[in-house]
Amino acid sequence: MVGLLNVGSLVLGLMALFLPIVNLMKENKYWVVLSMISISACGLSLCFQIFYTYHKVTVEDWGALMDTMYAVASVSAILLIVTMILNAVTLKVYRHRTAK
């Protein structure tokens, strides 16, 4: 069951990145909702990683933590930064379109 946290984190992270790209590729009147879902998916993805790390600490699997924490921290930061940039670009594009 705990292994599903990694799968869920991956799926939600990909969704967080995919939704703003869809917003940018095709005009969508629900862009605000999709952007909010994207940011929420990013947050949930990061939350799942925190829960997985908590589980590893609880079972005292220090080897797994030491082996994976650098990668987890790096990928989490990249996910957050790229999601925020894509949603900011979406906001700028759609605000410019609605201002006309």
Protein backbone atom coordinates (compact mmCIF):
# COMPACT_ATOMS: atom_id res chain seq x y z
CA MET A 1 0.00 0.00 0.00
CA VAL A 2 2.83 2.38 0.82
CA GLY A 3 4.39 1.72 -2.58
CA LEU A 4 1.34 3.33 -4.16
CA LEU A 5 2.50 6.65 -2.72
CA ASN A 6 5.36 6.70 -5.23
CA VAL A 7 3.06 5.76 -8.12
CA GLY A 8 0.51 8.37 -7.05
CA SER A 9 3.24 10.97 -6.71
CA LEU A 10 4.49 10.22 -10.22
CA VAL A 11 1.01 10.34 -11.77
CA LEU A 12 0.10 13.57 -9.99
CA GLY A 13 3.44 15.14 -10.88
CA LEU A 14 2.96 14.33 -14.56
CA MET A 15 -0.58 15.71 -14.40
CA ALA A 16 0.74 18.90 -12.79
CA LEU A 17 3.09 19.37 -15.73
CA PHE A 18 0.70 18.21 -18.45
CA LEU A 19 -2.31 20.43 -17.66
CA PRO A 20 -0.62 23.83 -18.20
CA ILE A 21 0.90 22.54 -21.44
CA VAL A 22 -2.60 21.59 -22.62
CA ASN A 23 -3.78 25.08 -21.63
CA LEU A 24 -1.02 26.66 -23.69
CA MET A 25 -1.50 24.43 -26.74
CA LYS A 26 -5.23 24.90 -27.15
CA GLU A 27 -7.49 27.75 -26.13
CA ASN A 28 -9.64 26.73 -23.21
CA LYS A 29 -12.27 28.72 -21.39
CA TYR A 30 -11.67 26.67 -18.22
CA TRP A 31 -7.98 27.57 -18.01
CA VAL A 32 -8.29 28.85 -14.43
CA VAL A 33 -9.76 25.55 -13.24
CA LEU A 34 -7.07 23.54 -15.04
CA SER A 35 -4.35 25.74 -13.56
CA MET A 36 -5.77 25.25 -10.07
CA ILE A 37 -5.93 21.49 -10.62
CA SER A 38 -2.32 21.57 -11.84
CA ILE A 39 -1.09 23.39 -8.75
CA SER A 40 -3.13 21.10 -6.50
CA ALA A 41 -1.72 18.01 -8.22
CA CYS A 42 1.78 19.35 -7.67
CA GLY A 43 1.05 19.89 -3.98
CA LEU A 44 -0.44 16.43 -3.57
CA SER A 45 2.50 14.88 -5.38
CA LEU A 46 4.92 16.54 -2.98
CA CYS A 47 2.71 15.55 -0.03
CA PHE A 48 2.80 11.91 -1.14
CA GLN A 49 6.61 12.07 -1.17
CA ILE A 50 6.60 13.49 2.37
CA PHE A 51 4.33 10.66 3.53
CA TYR A 52 6.61 8.10 1.85
CA THR A 53 9.65 9.61 3.57
CA TYR A 54 7.78 9.54 6.87
CA HIS A 55 7.06 5.85 6.33
CA LYS A 56 10.74 5.14 5.67
CA VAL A 57 11.68 6.98 8.88
CA THR A 58 9.02 5.07 10.83
CA VAL A 59 10.33 1.68 9.68
CA GLU A 60 13.90 2.96 10.15
CA ASP A 61 15.03 2.20 6.62
CA TRP A 62 17.98 4.58 6.81
CA GLY A 63 19.78 3.03 3.84
CA ALA A 64 16.86 3.73 1.50
CA LEU A 65 16.60 7.27 2.82
CA MET A 66 20.30 7.98 2.37
CA ASP A 67 20.27 6.51 -1.14
CA THR A 68 17.22 8.36 -2.44
CA MET A 69 16.85 11.67 -0.60
CA TYR A 70 19.08 13.69 -2.93
CA ALA A 71 17.14 12.55 -6.00
CA VAL A 72 13.76 13.00 -4.30
CA ALA A 73 14.63 16.51 -3.13
CA SER A 74 16.01 17.52 -6.53
CA VAL A 75 13.08 16.17 -8.53
CA SER A 76 10.58 17.68 -6.08
CA ALA A 77 12.19 21.11 -6.45
CA ILE A 78 12.23 20.80 -10.24
CA LEU A 79 8.56 19.73 -10.27
CA LEU A 80 7.55 22.69 -8.14
CA ILE A 81 9.57 25.23 -10.13
CA VAL A 82 8.47 23.99 -13.56
CA THR A 83 4.81 23.76 -12.49
CA MET A 84 4.86 27.31 -11.17
CA ILE A 85 6.59 28.63 -14.31
CA LEU A 86 4.15 26.87 -16.65
CA ASN A 87 1.15 28.15 -14.70
CA ALA A 88 2.60 31.67 -14.60
CA VAL A 89 3.07 31.59 -18.39
CA THR A 90 -0.50 30.32 -18.76
CA LEU A 91 -1.74 33.19 -16.58
CA LYS A 92 0.19 35.73 -18.61
CA VAL A 93 -1.02 34.34 -21.95
CA TYR A 94 -4.68 34.17 -20.96
CA ARG A 95 -4.69 37.52 -19.19
CA HIS A 96 -3.29 39.06 -22.35
CA ARG A 97 -5.98 37.33 -24.46
CA THR A 98 -8.83 38.44 -22.20
CA ALA A 99 -7.51 42.02 -21.95
CA LYS A 100 -8.01 42.59 -25.68
